[in-house]
Amino acid sequence: MQGLPDAVLFACSENAVRSPMAEGILKYLMGHRIYVDSAGVRANKEVDGFAIAVMEEVGIDISRHNGKSFDDLEDTSFDLIISLSPEAQHAAVELTRTMACDVEFWNTFDPSIIDGPRETRLAAYRQVRDQLMTRIKHRFPADLKPNV
């Protein structure tokens, strides 16, 4: 079995909900074993408040995350880009045309489109958080060794 990638980028549409949640989860699980970043097709400079709240429920602080777009990335030396929206998938494929980088598409529901009372909206965000947590734990087992 192949080891862990050295650098992972999570990408979504605005880098305000899904990709910051995924970045926070992988950093929480792996610490400094993997370089982790996130970006959006467009940058929303502030993380969604509901995303911050549901991540705090599991002990992960994403409140200081600054949203950025693909164009804002200082380094594009990623081994793996995981796109969480169709729009981000297209951007990731375009970005990797001239680089050796794997791209995976994890189509993930955007909970920010849910309307209704606070608890209804929080439930949608929790569902996305929990799905990302499960998928990330499966994709990046803690017992794998980094690539050497």
N, C-alpha and C. Protein backbone atom coordinates (compact mmCIF):
# COMPACT_ATOMS: atom_id res chain seq x y z
N MET A 1 0.84 -1.18 0.00
CA MET A 1 0.00 0.00 0.00
C MET A 1 0.88 1.24 0.00
N GLN A 2 0.51 2.21 -0.79
CA GLN A 2 1.26 3.45 -0.91
C GLN A 2 1.08 4.29 0.35
N GLY A 3 2.11 5.08 0.71
CA GLY A 3 2.05 5.92 1.91
C GLY A 3 1.19 7.15 1.73
N LEU A 4 1.23 7.98 2.75
CA LEU A 4 0.47 9.22 2.74
C LEU A 4 1.08 10.22 1.75
N PRO A 5 0.25 11.04 1.12
CA PRO A 5 0.81 12.11 0.30
C PRO A 5 1.49 13.14 1.20
N ASP A 6 2.43 13.88 0.65
CA ASP A 6 3.13 14.90 1.41
C ASP A 6 2.32 16.18 1.52
N ALA A 7 1.51 16.49 0.49
CA ALA A 7 0.76 17.74 0.46
C ALA A 7 -0.60 17.53 -0.19
N VAL A 8 -1.65 17.99 0.50
CA VAL A 8 -3.02 17.82 0.04
C VAL A 8 -3.72 19.18 -0.01
N LEU A 9 -4.46 19.40 -1.08
CA LEU A 9 -5.28 20.60 -1.23
C LEU A 9 -6.74 20.17 -1.32
N PHE A 10 -7.59 20.75 -0.47
CA PHE A 10 -9.03 20.57 -0.60
C PHE A 10 -9.57 21.80 -1.31
N ALA A 11 -10.47 21.57 -2.26
CA ALA A 11 -11.00 22.67 -3.06
C ALA A 11 -12.52 22.60 -3.15
N CYS A 12 -13.15 23.76 -3.06
CA CYS A 12 -14.60 23.86 -3.29
C CYS A 12 -14.88 25.17 -4.01
N SER A 13 -16.10 25.61 -4.00
CA SER A 13 -16.48 26.76 -4.79
C SER A 13 -16.00 28.09 -4.21
N GLU A 14 -16.15 28.29 -2.88
CA GLU A 14 -15.80 29.58 -2.30
C GLU A 14 -14.82 29.52 -1.13
N ASN A 15 -14.36 28.36 -0.74
CA ASN A 15 -13.43 28.20 0.37
C ASN A 15 -13.97 28.84 1.65
N ALA A 16 -15.26 28.58 1.91
CA ALA A 16 -15.90 29.16 3.09
C ALA A 16 -16.59 28.11 3.96
N VAL A 17 -16.89 26.92 3.41
CA VAL A 17 -17.61 25.90 4.18
C VAL A 17 -16.90 24.54 4.06
N ARG A 18 -17.06 23.88 2.91
CA ARG A 18 -16.62 22.50 2.77
C ARG A 18 -15.10 22.34 2.83
N SER A 19 -14.37 23.11 2.04
CA SER A 19 -12.91 22.91 2.02
C SER A 19 -12.24 23.35 3.32
N PRO A 20 -12.66 24.44 3.98
CA PRO A 20 -12.06 24.72 5.29
C PRO A 20 -12.38 23.64 6.32
N MET A 21 -13.59 23.06 6.26
CA MET A 21 -13.94 21.98 7.17
C MET A 21 -13.02 20.78 6.92
N ALA A 22 -12.85 20.40 5.66
CA ALA A 22 -11.99 19.26 5.32
C ALA A 22 -10.54 19.53 5.72
N GLU A 23 -10.06 20.73 5.44
CA GLU A 23 -8.69 21.09 5.83
C GLU A 23 -8.52 20.97 7.34
N GLY A 24 -9.47 21.51 8.08
CA GLY A 24 -9.39 21.45 9.54
C GLY A 24 -9.40 20.02 10.06
N ILE A 25 -10.24 19.18 9.48
CA ILE A 25 -10.32 17.78 9.90
C ILE A 25 -9.00 17.05 9.65
N LEU A 26 -8.45 17.18 8.44
CA LEU A 26 -7.21 16.47 8.13
C LEU A 26 -6.06 16.97 8.99
N LYS A 27 -5.98 18.27 9.22
CA LYS A 27 -4.93 18.81 10.09
C LYS A 27 -5.10 18.27 11.51
N TYR A 28 -6.32 18.20 11.97
CA TYR A 28 -6.61 17.68 13.31
C TYR A 28 -6.19 16.22 13.43
N LEU A 29 -6.48 15.43 12.42
CA LEU A 29 -6.18 14.00 12.45
C LEU A 29 -4.70 13.70 12.22
N MET A 30 -4.03 14.47 11.37
CA MET A 30 -2.67 14.15 10.97
C MET A 30 -1.61 15.08 11.54
N GLY A 31 -2.02 16.17 12.14
CA GLY A 31 -1.04 17.12 12.65
C GLY A 31 -0.15 17.62 11.53
N HIS A 32 1.15 17.51 11.74
CA HIS A 32 2.12 18.00 10.74
C HIS A 32 2.65 16.89 9.84
N ARG A 33 2.02 15.74 9.87
CA ARG A 33 2.48 14.63 9.02
C ARG A 33 2.23 14.91 7.54
N ILE A 34 1.23 15.73 7.24
CA ILE A 34 0.88 16.09 5.87
C ILE A 34 0.70 17.60 5.82
N TYR A 35 1.20 18.26 4.77
CA TYR A 35 0.89 19.67 4.54
C TYR A 35 -0.51 19.72 3.96
N VAL A 36 -1.39 20.52 4.56
CA VAL A 36 -2.78 20.60 4.13
C VAL A 36 -3.15 22.06 3.90
N ASP A 37 -3.85 22.31 2.80
CA ASP A 37 -4.33 23.65 2.50
C ASP A 37 -5.70 23.51 1.84
N SER A 38 -6.36 24.64 1.62
CA SER A 38 -7.63 24.62 0.90
C SER A 38 -7.77 25.90 0.10
N ALA A 39 -8.60 25.81 -0.93
CA ALA A 39 -8.83 26.95 -1.81
C ALA A 39 -10.19 26.80 -2.46
N GLY A 40 -10.67 27.89 -3.02
CA GLY A 40 -11.93 27.87 -3.75
C GLY A 40 -11.74 28.39 -5.15
N VAL A 41 -12.72 28.13 -5.98
CA VAL A 41 -12.70 28.70 -7.32
C VAL A 41 -12.77 30.22 -7.18
N ARG A 42 -13.61 30.66 -6.26
CA ARG A 42 -13.68 32.06 -5.85
C ARG A 42 -13.36 32.09 -4.36
N ALA A 43 -12.81 33.19 -3.87
CA ALA A 43 -12.47 33.27 -2.45
C ALA A 43 -13.50 34.09 -1.70
N ASN A 44 -14.08 33.49 -0.69
CA ASN A 44 -14.89 34.20 0.28
C ASN A 44 -13.98 34.34 1.49
N LYS A 45 -13.58 35.52 1.82
CA LYS A 45 -12.54 35.73 2.83
C LYS A 45 -12.94 35.26 4.22
N GLU A 46 -14.22 35.13 4.51
CA GLU A 46 -14.66 34.72 5.83
C GLU A 46 -15.26 33.33 5.80
N VAL A 47 -14.92 32.54 6.81
CA VAL A 47 -15.51 31.21 6.95
C VAL A 47 -16.95 31.37 7.43
N ASP A 48 -17.81 30.55 6.91
CA ASP A 48 -19.22 30.54 7.29
C ASP A 48 -19.36 30.26 8.79
N GLY A 49 -20.17 31.04 9.47
CA GLY A 49 -20.35 30.91 10.91
C GLY A 49 -20.90 29.57 11.35
N PHE A 50 -21.78 28.97 10.54
CA PHE A 50 -22.31 27.65 10.88
C PHE A 50 -21.21 26.59 10.78
N ALA A 51 -20.31 26.74 9.80
CA ALA A 51 -19.19 25.81 9.67
C ALA A 51 -18.28 25.91 10.90
N ILE A 52 -18.01 27.12 11.34
CA ILE A 52 -17.19 27.32 12.54
C ILE A 52 -17.86 26.64 13.74
N ALA A 53 -19.17 26.85 13.89
CA ALA A 53 -19.90 26.31 15.05
C ALA A 53 -19.87 24.79 15.10
N VAL A 54 -20.13 24.12 13.97
CA VAL A 54 -20.19 22.66 14.01
C VAL A 54 -18.80 22.05 14.14
N MET A 55 -17.78 22.74 13.66
CA MET A 55 -16.43 22.23 13.84
C MET A 55 -15.99 22.39 15.29
N GLU A 56 -16.38 23.48 15.94
CA GLU A 56 -16.07 23.66 17.36
C GLU A 56 -16.69 22.55 18.20
N GLU A 57 -17.84 22.04 17.77
CA GLU A 57 -18.50 20.95 18.50
C GLU A 57 -17.62 19.71 18.61
N VAL A 58 -16.72 19.51 17.66
CA VAL A 58 -15.83 18.34 17.69
C VAL A 58 -14.38 18.75 18.02
N GLY A 59 -14.21 19.94 18.54
CA GLY A 59 -12.90 20.38 19.00
C GLY A 59 -11.95 20.87 17.94
N ILE A 60 -12.47 21.29 16.79
CA ILE A 60 -11.62 21.79 15.71
C ILE A 60 -11.95 23.25 15.46
N ASP A 61 -10.95 24.12 15.57
CA ASP A 61 -11.14 25.56 15.40
C ASP A 61 -10.74 25.98 13.98
N ILE A 62 -11.71 26.41 13.20
CA ILE A 62 -11.41 26.92 11.85
C ILE A 62 -11.73 28.41 11.75
N SER A 63 -11.92 29.06 12.90
CA SER A 63 -12.36 30.46 12.91
C SER A 63 -11.33 31.42 12.33
N ARG A 64 -10.06 31.06 12.34
CA ARG A 64 -9.02 31.96 11.81
C ARG A 64 -8.68 31.69 10.35
N HIS A 65 -9.42 30.77 9.72
CA HIS A 65 -9.16 30.45 8.32
C HIS A 65 -9.42 31.68 7.44
N ASN A 66 -8.51 31.97 6.55
CA ASN A 66 -8.69 33.04 5.57
C ASN A 66 -8.92 32.41 4.21
N GLY A 67 -10.08 32.66 3.65
CA GLY A 67 -10.41 32.08 2.35
C GLY A 67 -9.49 32.57 1.26
N LYS A 68 -9.24 31.66 0.32
CA LYS A 68 -8.41 32.03 -0.83
C LYS A 68 -8.87 31.26 -2.05
N SER A 69 -8.51 31.79 -3.20
CA SER A 69 -8.85 31.13 -4.46
C SER A 69 -7.62 30.37 -4.96
N PHE A 70 -7.81 29.61 -6.02
CA PHE A 70 -6.69 28.93 -6.66
C PHE A 70 -5.61 29.94 -7.04
N ASP A 71 -6.02 31.11 -7.50
CA ASP A 71 -5.06 32.14 -7.91
C ASP A 71 -4.24 32.68 -6.75
N ASP A 72 -4.78 32.58 -5.52
CA ASP A 72 -4.09 33.08 -4.33
C ASP A 72 -3.08 32.10 -3.75
N LEU A 73 -3.06 30.86 -4.24
CA LEU A 73 -2.15 29.86 -3.68
C LEU A 73 -0.71 30.27 -3.91
N GLU A 74 0.08 30.25 -2.84
CA GLU A 74 1.49 30.60 -2.95
C GLU A 74 2.32 29.45 -3.51
N ASP A 75 1.82 28.24 -3.30
CA ASP A 75 2.55 27.05 -3.75
C ASP A 75 1.52 26.09 -4.35
N THR A 76 1.85 25.48 -5.46
CA THR A 76 0.95 24.51 -6.07
C THR A 76 1.61 23.13 -6.15
N SER A 77 2.54 22.87 -5.25
CA SER A 77 3.25 21.59 -5.24
C SER A 77 2.49 20.57 -4.40
N PHE A 78 1.31 20.20 -4.85
CA PHE A 78 0.49 19.25 -4.13
C PHE A 78 0.61 17.87 -4.77
N ASP A 79 0.53 16.85 -3.94
CA ASP A 79 0.51 15.48 -4.44
C ASP A 79 -0.91 15.06 -4.76
N LEU A 80 -1.87 15.69 -4.07
CA LEU A 80 -3.27 15.31 -4.20
C LEU A 80 -4.15 16.54 -4.03
N ILE A 81 -5.09 16.71 -4.96
CA ILE A 81 -6.13 17.72 -4.82
C ILE A 81 -7.45 16.98 -4.71
N ILE A 82 -8.20 17.27 -3.66
CA ILE A 82 -9.52 16.68 -3.48
C ILE A 82 -10.54 17.78 -3.67
N SER A 83 -11.29 17.68 -4.74
CA SER A 83 -12.31 18.70 -5.03
C SER A 83 -13.64 18.25 -4.46
N LEU A 84 -14.36 19.19 -3.87
CA LEU A 84 -15.59 18.89 -3.15
C LEU A 84 -16.83 19.44 -3.84
N SER A 85 -16.64 20.08 -4.99
CA SER A 85 -17.77 20.57 -5.79
C SER A 85 -17.43 20.40 -7.27
N PRO A 86 -18.45 20.27 -8.12
CA PRO A 86 -18.18 20.13 -9.56
C PRO A 86 -17.34 21.29 -10.11
N GLU A 87 -17.64 22.49 -9.67
CA GLU A 87 -16.90 23.67 -10.13
C GLU A 87 -15.42 23.57 -9.75
N ALA A 88 -15.15 23.12 -8.54
CA ALA A 88 -13.77 22.95 -8.10
C ALA A 88 -13.08 21.81 -8.84
N GLN A 89 -13.83 20.79 -9.19
CA GLN A 89 -13.26 19.67 -9.94
C GLN A 89 -12.73 20.17 -11.29
N HIS A 90 -13.50 20.98 -11.96
CA HIS A 90 -13.06 21.52 -13.26
C HIS A 90 -11.80 22.37 -13.08
N ALA A 91 -11.77 23.19 -12.04
CA ALA A 91 -10.60 24.03 -11.79
C ALA A 91 -9.38 23.19 -11.44
N ALA A 92 -9.57 22.13 -10.66
CA ALA A 92 -8.45 21.26 -10.28
C ALA A 92 -7.88 20.54 -11.49
N VAL A 93 -8.73 20.05 -12.35
CA VAL A 93 -8.27 19.37 -13.56
C VAL A 93 -7.47 20.34 -14.43
N GLU A 94 -7.97 21.56 -14.55
CA GLU A 94 -7.27 22.57 -15.34
C GLU A 94 -5.90 22.89 -14.72
N LEU A 95 -5.86 23.06 -13.40
CA LEU A 95 -4.61 23.38 -12.70
C LEU A 95 -3.57 22.27 -12.87
N THR A 96 -4.01 21.04 -12.90
CA THR A 96 -3.07 19.91 -12.92
C THR A 96 -2.71 19.42 -14.32
N ARG A 97 -3.12 20.12 -15.34
CA ARG A 97 -2.78 19.71 -16.72
C ARG A 97 -1.27 19.64 -16.94
N THR A 98 -0.53 20.49 -16.24
CA THR A 98 0.91 20.55 -16.46
C THR A 98 1.71 20.16 -15.22
N MET A 99 1.09 19.43 -14.31
CA MET A 99 1.82 19.01 -13.11
C MET A 99 1.45 17.59 -12.73
N ALA A 100 2.36 16.94 -12.05
CA ALA A 100 2.12 15.57 -11.60
C ALA A 100 1.41 15.62 -10.26
N CYS A 101 0.11 15.49 -10.32
CA CYS A 101 -0.72 15.59 -9.13
C CYS A 101 -1.98 14.78 -9.35
N ASP A 102 -2.35 14.00 -8.35
CA ASP A 102 -3.61 13.25 -8.43
C ASP A 102 -4.77 14.16 -8.05
N VAL A 103 -5.92 13.91 -8.69
CA VAL A 103 -7.13 14.66 -8.38
C VAL A 103 -8.23 13.66 -8.07
N GLU A 104 -8.90 13.87 -6.95
CA GLU A 104 -10.05 13.05 -6.57
C GLU A 104 -11.26 13.96 -6.43
N PHE A 105 -12.40 13.45 -6.86
CA PHE A 105 -13.64 14.22 -6.78
C PHE A 105 -14.55 13.61 -5.73
N TRP A 106 -14.75 14.33 -4.64
CA TRP A 106 -15.68 13.92 -3.58
C TRP A 106 -16.85 14.89 -3.62
N ASN A 107 -17.81 14.64 -4.46
CA ASN A 107 -18.95 15.56 -4.57
C ASN A 107 -19.64 15.67 -3.22
N THR A 108 -19.60 16.84 -2.63
CA THR A 108 -20.07 17.07 -1.27
C THR A 108 -21.17 18.13 -1.27
N PHE A 109 -22.26 17.81 -0.63
CA PHE A 109 -23.40 18.72 -0.53
C PHE A 109 -22.98 20.05 0.08
N ASP A 110 -23.53 21.15 -0.44
CA ASP A 110 -23.27 22.49 0.10
C ASP A 110 -24.36 22.83 1.11
N PRO A 111 -24.07 22.76 2.41
CA PRO A 111 -25.11 23.00 3.40
C PRO A 111 -25.57 24.45 3.47
N SER A 112 -24.83 25.36 2.88
CA SER A 112 -25.22 26.77 2.95
C SER A 112 -26.48 27.07 2.13
N ILE A 113 -26.92 26.13 1.30
CA ILE A 113 -28.14 26.37 0.52
C ILE A 113 -29.41 26.05 1.31
N ILE A 114 -29.25 25.47 2.50
CA ILE A 114 -30.41 25.12 3.32
C ILE A 114 -30.95 26.37 4.01
N ASP A 115 -32.26 26.56 3.89
CA ASP A 115 -32.95 27.64 4.60
C ASP A 115 -33.70 27.04 5.77
N GLY A 116 -34.12 27.89 6.67
CA GLY A 116 -34.93 27.42 7.78
C GLY A 116 -34.36 27.85 9.11
N PRO A 117 -34.91 27.28 10.16
CA PRO A 117 -34.44 27.64 11.51
C PRO A 117 -32.99 27.24 11.73
N ARG A 118 -32.37 27.85 12.71
CA ARG A 118 -30.96 27.62 13.02
C ARG A 118 -30.65 26.13 13.19
N GLU A 119 -31.47 25.40 13.94
CA GLU A 119 -31.20 23.98 14.18
C GLU A 119 -31.25 23.15 12.90
N THR A 120 -32.14 23.50 11.98
CA THR A 120 -32.24 22.80 10.70
C THR A 120 -30.96 23.02 9.90
N ARG A 121 -30.50 24.26 9.90
CA ARG A 121 -29.28 24.58 9.16
C ARG A 121 -28.06 23.93 9.80
N LEU A 122 -27.98 23.97 11.13
CA LEU A 122 -26.86 23.33 11.81
C LEU A 122 -26.83 21.83 11.54
N ALA A 123 -28.00 21.21 11.47
CA ALA A 123 -28.07 19.77 11.19
C ALA A 123 -27.45 19.46 9.83
N ALA A 124 -27.69 20.31 8.84
CA ALA A 124 -27.12 20.10 7.50
C ALA A 124 -25.59 20.22 7.55
N TYR A 125 -25.09 21.20 8.28
CA TYR A 125 -23.65 21.38 8.40
C TYR A 125 -23.01 20.21 9.16
N ARG A 126 -23.69 19.73 10.19
CA ARG A 126 -23.18 18.57 10.94
C ARG A 126 -23.09 17.34 10.05
N GLN A 127 -24.08 17.17 9.20
CA GLN A 127 -24.08 16.02 8.30
C GLN A 127 -22.88 16.08 7.37
N VAL A 128 -22.60 17.26 6.81
CA VAL A 128 -21.44 17.42 5.92
C VAL A 128 -20.15 17.19 6.70
N ARG A 129 -20.04 17.77 7.90
CA ARG A 129 -18.86 17.58 8.75
C ARG A 129 -18.61 16.09 9.00
N ASP A 130 -19.66 15.38 9.39
CA ASP A 130 -19.53 13.96 9.72
C ASP A 130 -19.17 13.12 8.49
N GLN A 131 -19.75 13.46 7.34
CA GLN A 131 -19.41 12.74 6.10
C GLN A 131 -17.95 12.98 5.73
N LEU A 132 -17.50 14.23 5.84
CA LEU A 132 -16.10 14.53 5.55
C LEU A 132 -15.17 13.81 6.53
N MET A 133 -15.52 13.80 7.80
CA MET A 133 -14.70 13.12 8.81
C MET A 133 -14.55 11.64 8.46
N THR A 134 -15.65 10.99 8.13
CA THR A 134 -15.62 9.57 7.80
C THR A 134 -14.77 9.32 6.56
N ARG A 135 -14.99 10.13 5.55
CA ARG A 135 -14.27 9.93 4.29
C ARG A 135 -12.77 10.19 4.45
N ILE A 136 -12.43 11.22 5.20
CA ILE A 136 -11.03 11.55 5.42
C ILE A 136 -10.34 10.46 6.24
N LYS A 137 -10.99 9.98 7.27
CA LYS A 137 -10.40 8.89 8.07
C LYS A 137 -10.16 7.64 7.22
N HIS A 138 -11.06 7.38 6.30
CA HIS A 138 -10.91 6.22 5.42
C HIS A 138 -9.78 6.44 4.41
N ARG A 139 -9.70 7.63 3.85
CA ARG A 139 -8.70 7.93 2.80
C ARG A 139 -7.30 8.11 3.36
N PHE A 140 -7.21 8.60 4.61
CA PHE A 140 -5.91 8.88 5.23
C PHE A 140 -5.81 8.15 6.57
N PRO A 141 -5.67 6.83 6.53
CA PRO A 141 -5.58 6.07 7.79
C PRO A 141 -4.40 6.54 8.64
N ALA A 142 -4.64 6.67 9.93
CA ALA A 142 -3.61 7.20 10.84
C ALA A 142 -2.38 6.31 10.93
N ASP A 143 -2.53 5.03 10.59
CA ASP A 143 -1.40 4.13 10.71
C ASP A 143 -0.51 4.09 9.46
N LEU A 144 -0.90 4.81 8.41
CA LEU A 144 -0.05 4.88 7.21
C LEU A 144 1.16 5.74 7.49
N LYS A 145 2.26 5.40 6.90
CA LYS A 145 3.47 6.19 7.01
C LYS A 145 3.54 7.20 5.87
N PRO A 146 4.15 8.37 6.13
CA PRO A 146 4.33 9.34 5.05
C PRO A 146 5.20 8.77 3.94
N ASN A 147 5.03 9.31 2.72
CA ASN A 147 5.92 8.93 1.61
C ASN A 147 7.33 9.35 1.95
N VAL A 148 8.27 8.52 1.58
CA VAL A 148 9.68 8.85 1.86
C VAL A 148 10.47 8.91 0.58
